[in-house]
């Protein structure tokens, strides 16, 4: 079915025909898309591995940090003793 080119359906028909013709003319586009998908997948996996290594290294180093107690015992009552008496 053919629509008049100046109608909205005619414009859609012409655009669809143009895209089909272009897709048929360039038969190797699918191969390049697959190459990009594979390359992107490899890079995402590599980034995940590197991110995991960095995360585990930082987490291990953070857990090995010793934090000294605050002067005066940290949370003990004033006066130094457990019951508050010097």
PDB file of N, CA and C in Angstrom:
ATOM      1  N   UNK A   1       0.851  -1.171   0.000  1.00  0.00           N
ATOM      2  CA  UNK A   1       0.000   0.000   0.000  1.00  0.00           C
ATOM      3  C   UNK A   1       0.897   1.234   0.000  1.00  0.00           C
ATOM      4  N   UNK A   2       0.569   2.193  -0.840  1.00  0.00           N
ATOM      5  CA  UNK A   2       1.367   3.400  -0.950  1.00  0.00           C
ATOM      6  C   UNK A   2       0.566   4.587  -0.435  1.00  0.00           C
ATOM      7  N   UNK A   3       1.239   5.380   0.371  1.00  0.00           N
ATOM      8  CA  UNK A   3       0.615   6.592   0.909  1.00  0.00           C
ATOM      9  C   UNK A   3       1.217   7.802   0.217  1.00  0.00           C
ATOM     10  N   UNK A   4       0.463   8.868   0.169  1.00  0.00           N
ATOM     11  CA  UNK A   4       0.976  10.101  -0.412  1.00  0.00           C
ATOM     12  C   UNK A   4       2.137  10.603   0.449  1.00  0.00           C
ATOM     13  N   UNK A   5       3.252  11.022  -0.156  1.00  0.00           N
ATOM     14  CA  UNK A   5       4.445  11.410   0.600  1.00  0.00           C
ATOM     15  C   UNK A   5       4.246  12.620   1.509  1.00  0.00           C
ATOM     16  N   UNK A   6       3.240  13.439   1.255  1.00  0.00           N
ATOM     17  CA  UNK A   6       3.052  14.640   2.072  1.00  0.00           C
ATOM     18  C   UNK A   6       2.163  14.381   3.288  1.00  0.00           C
ATOM     19  N   UNK A   7       1.675  13.155   3.457  1.00  0.00           N
ATOM     20  CA  UNK A   7       0.868  12.818   4.625  1.00  0.00           C
ATOM     21  C   UNK A   7       1.773  12.201   5.699  1.00  0.00           C
ATOM     22  N   UNK A   8       1.337  12.239   6.952  1.00  0.00           N
ATOM     23  CA  UNK A   8       2.167  11.634   8.008  1.00  0.00           C
ATOM     24  C   UNK A   8       2.462  10.151   7.748  1.00  0.00           C
ATOM     25  N   UNK A   9       1.469   9.387   7.273  1.00  0.00           N
ATOM     26  CA  UNK A   9       1.721   7.979   6.966  1.00  0.00           C
ATOM     27  C   UNK A   9       2.676   7.827   5.787  1.00  0.00           C
ATOM     28  N   UNK A  10       2.634   8.747   4.862  1.00  0.00           N
ATOM     29  CA  UNK A  10       3.558   8.716   3.723  1.00  0.00           C
ATOM     30  C   UNK A  10       4.987   8.967   4.166  1.00  0.00           C
ATOM     31  N   UNK A  11       5.159   9.896   5.082  1.00  0.00           N
ATOM     32  CA  UNK A  11       6.498  10.189   5.607  1.00  0.00           C
ATOM     33  C   UNK A  11       7.046   8.967   6.341  1.00  0.00           C
ATOM     34  N   UNK A  12       6.203   8.321   7.135  1.00  0.00           N
ATOM     35  CA  UNK A  12       6.626   7.121   7.866  1.00  0.00           C
ATOM     36  C   UNK A  12       6.998   6.013   6.882  1.00  0.00           C
ATOM     37  N   UNK A  13       6.179   5.842   5.833  1.00  0.00           N
ATOM     38  CA  UNK A  13       6.478   4.815   4.838  1.00  0.00           C
ATOM     39  C   UNK A  13       7.809   5.087   4.143  1.00  0.00           C
ATOM     40  N   UNK A  14       8.040   6.340   3.757  1.00  0.00           N
ATOM     41  CA  UNK A  14       9.301   6.680   3.099  1.00  0.00           C
ATOM     42  C   UNK A  14      10.494   6.445   4.022  1.00  0.00           C
ATOM     43  N   UNK A  15      10.350   6.794   5.287  1.00  0.00           N
ATOM     44  CA  UNK A  15      11.440   6.599   6.242  1.00  0.00           C
ATOM     45  C   UNK A  15      11.726   5.114   6.443  1.00  0.00           C
ATOM     46  N   UNK A  16      10.684   4.304   6.550  1.00  0.00           N
ATOM     47  CA  UNK A  16      10.871   2.863   6.698  1.00  0.00           C
ATOM     48  C   UNK A  16      11.551   2.265   5.473  1.00  0.00           C
ATOM     49  N   UNK A  17      11.133   2.711   4.296  1.00  0.00           N
ATOM     50  CA  UNK A  17      11.769   2.218   3.070  1.00  0.00           C
ATOM     51  C   UNK A  17      13.238   2.620   3.014  1.00  0.00           C
ATOM     52  N   UNK A  18      13.538   3.855   3.428  1.00  0.00           N
ATOM     53  CA  UNK A  18      14.925   4.320   3.426  1.00  0.00           C
ATOM     54  C   UNK A  18      15.778   3.486   4.369  1.00  0.00           C
ATOM     55  N   UNK A  19      15.236   3.208   5.551  1.00  0.00           N
ATOM     56  CA  UNK A  19      16.002   2.430   6.537  1.00  0.00           C
ATOM     57  C   UNK A  19      16.210   0.986   6.091  1.00  0.00           C
ATOM     58  N   UNK A  20      15.192   0.389   5.480  1.00  0.00           N
ATOM     59  CA  UNK A  20      15.336  -0.982   4.991  1.00  0.00           C
ATOM     60  C   UNK A  20      16.376  -1.031   3.880  1.00  0.00           C
ATOM     61  N   UNK A  21      16.327  -0.071   2.961  1.00  0.00           N
ATOM     62  CA  UNK A  21      17.304  -0.023   1.870  1.00  0.00           C
ATOM     63  C   UNK A  21      18.708   0.162   2.418  1.00  0.00           C
ATOM     64  N   UNK A  22      18.873   1.027   3.406  1.00  0.00           N
ATOM     65  CA  UNK A  22      20.186   1.269   4.000  1.00  0.00           C
ATOM     66  C   UNK A  22      20.691   0.015   4.723  1.00  0.00           C
ATOM     67  N   UNK A  23      19.824  -0.680   5.425  1.00  0.00           N
ATOM     68  CA  UNK A  23      20.229  -1.888   6.135  1.00  0.00           C
ATOM     69  C   UNK A  23      20.648  -2.987   5.162  1.00  0.00           C
ATOM     70  N   UNK A  24      19.964  -3.078   4.034  1.00  0.00           N
ATOM     71  CA  UNK A  24      20.320  -4.092   3.037  1.00  0.00           C
ATOM     72  C   UNK A  24      21.632  -3.749   2.344  1.00  0.00           C
ATOM     73  N   UNK A  25      21.913  -2.476   2.184  1.00  0.00           N
ATOM     74  CA  UNK A  25      23.124  -2.053   1.474  1.00  0.00           C
ATOM     75  C   UNK A  25      24.379  -2.279   2.311  1.00  0.00           C
ATOM     76  N   UNK A  26      24.282  -2.190   3.616  1.00  0.00           N
ATOM     77  CA  UNK A  26      25.453  -2.359   4.488  1.00  0.00           C
ATOM     78  C   UNK A  26      25.283  -3.656   5.271  1.00  0.00           C
ATOM     79  N   UNK A  27      25.723  -4.757   4.686  1.00  0.00           N
ATOM     80  CA  UNK A  27      25.540  -6.059   5.293  1.00  0.00           C
ATOM     81  C   UNK A  27      26.519  -6.387   6.403  1.00  0.00           C
ATOM     82  N   UNK A  28      27.612  -5.641   6.538  1.00  0.00           N
ATOM     83  CA  UNK A  28      28.621  -5.966   7.544  1.00  0.00           C
ATOM     84  C   UNK A  28      28.462  -5.171   8.833  1.00  0.00           C
ATOM     85  N   UNK A  29      27.393  -4.441   8.999  1.00  0.00           N
ATOM     86  CA  UNK A  29      27.214  -3.640  10.214  1.00  0.00           C
ATOM     87  C   UNK A  29      27.003  -4.521  11.437  1.00  0.00           C
ATOM     88  N   UNK A  30      26.369  -5.680  11.273  1.00  0.00           N
ATOM     89  CA  UNK A  30      26.132  -6.569  12.396  1.00  0.00           C
ATOM     90  C   UNK A  30      27.427  -7.102  12.981  1.00  0.00           C
ATOM     91  N   UNK A  31      28.413  -7.358  12.134  1.00  0.00           N
ATOM     92  CA  UNK A  31      29.699  -7.862  12.611  1.00  0.00           C
ATOM     93  C   UNK A  31      30.402  -6.822  13.465  1.00  0.00           C
ATOM     94  N   UNK A  32      30.379  -5.580  13.043  1.00  0.00           N
ATOM     95  CA  UNK A  32      31.052  -4.552  13.826  1.00  0.00           C
ATOM     96  C   UNK A  32      30.333  -4.306  15.149  1.00  0.00           C
ATOM     97  N   UNK A  33      29.020  -4.444  15.164  1.00  0.00           N
ATOM     98  CA  UNK A  33      28.275  -4.288  16.416  1.00  0.00           C
ATOM     99  C   UNK A  33      28.661  -5.399  17.386  1.00  0.00           C
ATOM    100  N   UNK A  34      28.774  -6.627  16.899  1.00  0.00           N
ATOM    101  CA  UNK A  34      29.164  -7.742  17.759  1.00  0.00           C
ATOM    102  C   UNK A  34      30.572  -7.541  18.306  1.00  0.00           C
ATOM    103  N   UNK A  35      31.470  -7.016  17.493  1.00  0.00           N
ATOM    104  CA  UNK A  35      32.821  -6.746  17.969  1.00  0.00           C
ATOM    105  C   UNK A  35      32.790  -5.734  19.112  1.00  0.00           C
ATOM    106  N   UNK A  36      32.000  -4.691  18.960  1.00  0.00           N
ATOM    107  CA  UNK A  36      31.907  -3.678  20.014  1.00  0.00           C
ATOM    108  C   UNK A  36      31.270  -4.243  21.278  1.00  0.00           C
ATOM    109  N   UNK A  37      30.290  -5.115  21.133  1.00  0.00           N
ATOM    110  CA  UNK A  37      29.655  -5.736  22.303  1.00  0.00           C
ATOM    111  C   UNK A  37      30.674  -6.600  23.052  1.00  0.00           C
ATOM    112  N   UNK A  38      31.458  -7.369  22.312  1.00  0.00           N
ATOM    113  CA  UNK A  38      32.471  -8.224  22.946  1.00  0.00           C
ATOM    114  C   UNK A  38      33.535  -7.381  23.622  1.00  0.00           C
ATOM    115  N   UNK A  39      34.026  -6.357  22.951  1.00  0.00           N
ATOM    116  CA  UNK A  39      35.049  -5.485  23.535  1.00  0.00           C
ATOM    117  C   UNK A  39      34.516  -4.805  24.790  1.00  0.00           C
ATOM    118  N   UNK A  40      33.283  -4.311  24.727  1.00  0.00           N
ATOM    119  CA  UNK A  40      32.688  -3.649  25.890  1.00  0.00           C
ATOM    120  C   UNK A  40      32.526  -4.624  27.048  1.00  0.00           C
ATOM    121  N   UNK A  41      32.098  -5.834  26.770  1.00  0.00           N
ATOM    122  CA  UNK A  41      31.954  -6.844  27.815  1.00  0.00           C
ATOM    123  C   UNK A  41      33.273  -7.165  28.488  1.00  0.00           C
ATOM    124  N   UNK A  42      34.334  -7.290  27.693  1.00  0.00           N
ATOM    125  CA  UNK A  42      35.657  -7.555  28.259  1.00  0.00           C
ATOM    126  C   UNK A  42      36.111  -6.399  29.133  1.00  0.00           C
ATOM    127  N   UNK A  43      35.902  -5.176  28.671  1.00  0.00           N
ATOM    128  CA  UNK A  43      36.313  -4.014  29.461  1.00  0.00           C
ATOM    129  C   UNK A  43      35.518  -3.885  30.763  1.00  0.00           C
ATOM    130  N   UNK A  44      34.228  -4.205  30.722  1.00  0.00           N
ATOM    131  CA  UNK A  44      33.415  -4.155  31.941  1.00  0.00           C
ATOM    132  C   UNK A  44      33.898  -5.209  32.937  1.00  0.00           C
ATOM    133  N   UNK A  45      34.183  -6.417  32.455  1.00  0.00           N
ATOM    134  CA  UNK A  45      34.695  -7.466  33.339  1.00  0.00           C
ATOM    135  C   UNK A  45      36.039  -7.082  33.928  1.00  0.00           C
ATOM    136  N   UNK A  46      36.913  -6.506  33.121  1.00  0.00           N
ATOM    137  CA  UNK A  46      38.223  -6.067  33.601  1.00  0.00           C
ATOM    138  C   UNK A  46      38.084  -4.974  34.647  1.00  0.00           C
ATOM    139  N   UNK A  47      37.178  -4.036  34.428  1.00  0.00           N
ATOM    140  CA  UNK A  47      36.952  -2.966  35.405  1.00  0.00           C
ATOM    141  C   UNK A  47      36.412  -3.529  36.713  1.00  0.00           C
ATOM    142  N   UNK A  48      35.550  -4.546  36.639  1.00  0.00           N
ATOM    143  CA  UNK A  48      35.014  -5.163  37.857  1.00  0.00           C
ATOM    144  C   UNK A  48      36.116  -5.865  38.639  1.00  0.00           C
ATOM    145  N   UNK A  49      37.007  -6.556  37.949  1.00  0.00           N
ATOM    146  CA  UNK A  49      38.111  -7.247  38.625  1.00  0.00           C
ATOM    147  C   UNK A  49      39.045  -6.243  39.288  1.00  0.00           C
ATOM    148  N   UNK A  50      39.426  -5.205  38.553  1.00  0.00           N
ATOM    149  CA  UNK A  50      40.321  -4.186  39.117  1.00  0.00           C
ATOM    150  C   UNK A  50      39.645  -3.478  40.286  1.00  0.00           C
ATOM    151  N   UNK A  51      38.373  -3.160  40.160  1.00  0.00           N
ATOM    152  CA  UNK A  51      37.638  -2.525  41.255  1.00  0.00           C
ATOM    153  C   UNK A  51      37.586  -3.415  42.486  1.00  0.00           C
ATOM    154  N   UNK A  52      37.381  -4.715  42.289  1.00  0.00           N
ATOM    155  CA  UNK A  52      37.362  -5.655  43.417  1.00  0.00           C
ATOM    156  C   UNK A  52      38.710  -5.741  44.108  1.00  0.00           C
ATOM    157  N   UNK A  53      39.775  -5.773  43.333  1.00  0.00           N
ATOM    158  CA  UNK A  53      41.119  -5.816  43.919  1.00  0.00           C
ATOM    159  C   UNK A  53      41.388  -4.560  44.724  1.00  0.00           C
ATOM    160  N   UNK A  54      41.061  -3.409  44.172  1.00  0.00           N
ATOM    161  CA  UNK A  54      41.287  -2.142  44.884  1.00  0.00           C
ATOM    162  C   UNK A  54      40.440  -2.089  46.151  1.00  0.00           C
ATOM    163  N   UNK A  55      39.182  -2.514  46.064  1.00  0.00           N
ATOM    164  CA  UNK A  55      38.300  -2.498  47.228  1.00  0.00           C
ATOM    165  C   UNK A  55      38.847  -3.390  48.343  1.00  0.00           C
ATOM    166  N   UNK A  56      39.249  -4.618  47.991  1.00  0.00           N
ATOM    167  CA  UNK A  56      39.768  -5.532  49.005  1.00  0.00           C
ATOM    168  C   UNK A  56      41.072  -5.035  49.612  1.00  0.00           C
ATOM    169  N   UNK A  57      41.928  -4.418  48.820  1.00  0.00           N
ATOM    170  CA  UNK A  57      43.182  -3.878  49.336  1.00  0.00           C
ATOM    171  C   UNK A  57      42.911  -2.743  50.319  1.00  0.00           C
ATOM    172  N   UNK A  58      42.035  -1.838  49.956  1.00  0.00           N
ATOM    173  CA  UNK A  58      41.722  -0.710  50.838  1.00  0.00           C
ATOM    174  C   UNK A  58      41.029  -1.195  52.106  1.00  0.00           C
ATOM    175  N   UNK A  59      40.111  -2.151  51.974  1.00  0.00           N
ATOM    176  CA  UNK A  59      39.399  -2.679  53.140  1.00  0.00           C
ATOM    177  C   UNK A  59      40.377  -3.370  54.092  1.00  0.00           C
ATOM    178  N   UNK A  60      41.297  -4.161  53.559  1.00  0.00           N
ATOM    179  CA  UNK A  60      42.290  -4.835  54.397  1.00  0.00           C
ATOM    180  C   UNK A  60      43.193  -3.852  55.117  1.00  0.00           C
ATOM    181  N   UNK A  61      43.625  -2.813  54.423  1.00  0.00           N
ATOM    182  CA  UNK A  61      44.476  -1.805  55.058  1.00  0.00           C
ATOM    183  C   UNK A  61      43.698  -1.002  56.095  1.00  0.00           C
ATOM    184  N   UNK A  62      42.429  -0.750  55.833  1.00  0.00           N
ATOM    185  CA  UNK A  62      41.626   0.017  56.791  1.00  0.00           C
ATOM    186  C   UNK A  62      41.392  -0.788  58.069  1.00  0.00           C
ATOM    187  N   UNK A  63      41.218  -2.095  57.938  1.00  0.00           N
ATOM    188  CA  UNK A  63      40.996  -2.931  59.115  1.00  0.00           C
ATOM    189  C   UNK A  63      42.252  -3.091  59.954  1.00  0.00           C
ATOM    190  N   UNK A  64      43.425  -2.898  59.360  1.00  0.00           N
ATOM    191  CA  UNK A  64      44.667  -3.059  60.108  1.00  0.00           C
ATOM    192  C   UNK A  64      45.086  -1.779  60.848  1.00  0.00           C
ATOM    193  N   UNK A  65      44.351  -0.711  60.668  1.00  0.00           N
ATOM    194  CA  UNK A  65      44.685   0.545  61.354  1.00  0.00           C
ATOM    195  C   UNK A  65      44.261   0.434  62.813  1.00  0.00           C
ATOM    196  N   UNK A  66      45.174   0.752  63.720  1.00  0.00           N
ATOM    197  CA  UNK A  66      44.836   0.760  65.144  1.00  0.00           C
ATOM    198  C   UNK A  66      44.586   2.199  65.563  1.00  0.00           C
ATOM    199  N   UNK A  67      43.489   2.384  66.234  1.00  0.00           N
ATOM    200  CA  UNK A  67      43.120   3.716  66.705  1.00  0.00           C
ATOM    201  C   UNK A  67      43.418   3.769  68.200  1.00  0.00           C
ATOM    202  N   UNK A  68      44.308   4.681  68.625  1.00  0.00           N
ATOM    203  CA  UNK A  68      44.650   4.747  70.044  1.00  0.00           C
ATOM    204  C   UNK A  68      43.472   5.264  70.869  1.00  0.00           C
ATOM    205  N   UNK A  69      43.469   4.859  72.146  1.00  0.00           N
ATOM    206  CA  UNK A  69      42.431   5.341  73.044  1.00  0.00           C
ATOM    207  C   UNK A  69      42.606   6.827  73.283  1.00  0.00           C
ATOM    208  N   UNK A  70      41.485   7.457  73.604  1.00  0.00           N
ATOM    209  CA  UNK A  70      41.526   8.889  73.899  1.00  0.00           C
ATOM    210  C   UNK A  70      42.209   9.107  75.241  1.00  0.00           C
ATOM    211  N   UNK A  71      42.830  10.266  75.452  1.00  0.00           N
ATOM    212  CA  UNK A  71      43.457  10.552  76.750  1.00  0.00           C
ATOM    213  C   UNK A  71      42.425  10.470  77.878  1.00  0.00           C
ATOM    214  N   UNK A  72      42.827   9.900  78.986  1.00  0.00           N
ATOM    215  CA  UNK A  72      41.936   9.791  80.127  1.00  0.00           C
ATOM    216  C   UNK A  72      41.077   8.549  80.090  1.00  0.00           C
ATOM    217  N   UNK A  73      41.371   7.605  79.242  1.00  0.00           N
ATOM    218  CA  UNK A  73      40.631   6.358  79.241  1.00  0.00           C
ATOM    219  C   UNK A  73      39.506   6.301  78.235  1.00  0.00           C
ATOM    220  N   UNK A  74      39.250   7.320  77.494  1.00  0.00           N
ATOM    221  CA  UNK A  74      38.244   7.268  76.444  1.00  0.00           C
ATOM    222  C   UNK A  74      36.848   7.540  76.946  1.00  0.00           C
ATOM    223  N   UNK A  75      36.227   6.620  77.630  1.00  0.00           N
ATOM    224  CA  UNK A  75      34.858   6.810  78.045  1.00  0.00           C
ATOM    225  C   UNK A  75      34.669   6.694  79.547  1.00  0.00           C
ATOM    226  N   UNK A  76      35.747   6.657  80.285  1.00  0.00           N
ATOM    227  CA  UNK A  76      35.662   6.506  81.745  1.00  0.00           C
ATOM    228  C   UNK A  76      35.147   7.785  82.377  1.00  0.00           C
ATOM    229  N   UNK A  77      34.468   7.686  83.516  1.00  0.00           N
ATOM    230  CA  UNK A  77      33.988   8.880  84.209  1.00  0.00           C
ATOM    231  C   UNK A  77      35.157   9.761  84.646  1.00  0.00           C
ATOM    232  N   UNK A  78      34.873  11.010  84.891  1.00  0.00           N
ATOM    233  CA  UNK A  78      35.906  11.955  85.331  1.00  0.00           C
ATOM    234  C   UNK A  78      36.503  11.506  86.661  1.00  0.00           C
ATOM    235  N   UNK A  79      37.787  11.668  86.844  1.00  0.00           N
ATOM    236  CA  UNK A  79      38.440  11.294  88.080  1.00  0.00           C
ATOM    237  C   UNK A  79      39.297  10.067  87.915  1.00  0.00           C
ATOM    238  N   UNK A  80      39.158   9.337  86.863  1.00  0.00           N
ATOM    239  CA  UNK A  80      40.058   8.245  86.590  1.00  0.00           C
ATOM    240  C   UNK A  80      39.573   6.881  87.051  1.00  0.00           C
ATOM    241  N   UNK A  81      38.808   6.777  88.122  1.00  0.00           N
ATOM    242  CA  UNK A  81      38.373   5.483  88.617  1.00  0.00           C
ATOM    243  C   UNK A  81      37.086   5.043  87.956  1.00  0.00           C
ATOM    244  N   UNK A  82      36.752   3.777  88.171  1.00  0.00           N
ATOM    245  CA  UNK A  82      35.543   3.282  87.561  1.00  0.00           C
ATOM    246  C   UNK A  82      34.304   3.874  88.224  1.00  0.00           C
ATOM    247  N   UNK A  83      34.398   4.154  89.516  1.00  0.00           N
ATOM    248  CA  UNK A  83      33.248   4.691  90.215  1.00  0.00           C
ATOM    249  C   UNK A  83      33.244   6.207  90.276  1.00  0.00           C
ATOM    250  N   UNK A  84      34.207   6.837  89.615  1.00  0.00           N
ATOM    251  CA  UNK A  84      34.252   8.284  89.595  1.00  0.00           C
ATOM    252  C   UNK A  84      35.107   8.886  90.704  1.00  0.00           C
ATOM    253  N   UNK A  85      35.656   8.074  91.620  1.00  0.00           N
ATOM    254  CA  UNK A  85      36.511   8.561  92.690  1.00  0.00           C
ATOM    255  C   UNK A  85      37.974   8.416  92.288  1.00  0.00           C
ATOM    256  N   UNK A  86      38.783   9.416  92.671  1.00  0.00           N
ATOM    257  CA  UNK A  86      40.218   9.343  92.322  1.00  0.00           C
ATOM    258  C   UNK A  86      40.967   8.309  93.110  1.00  0.00           C
TER     259      UNK A  86
END
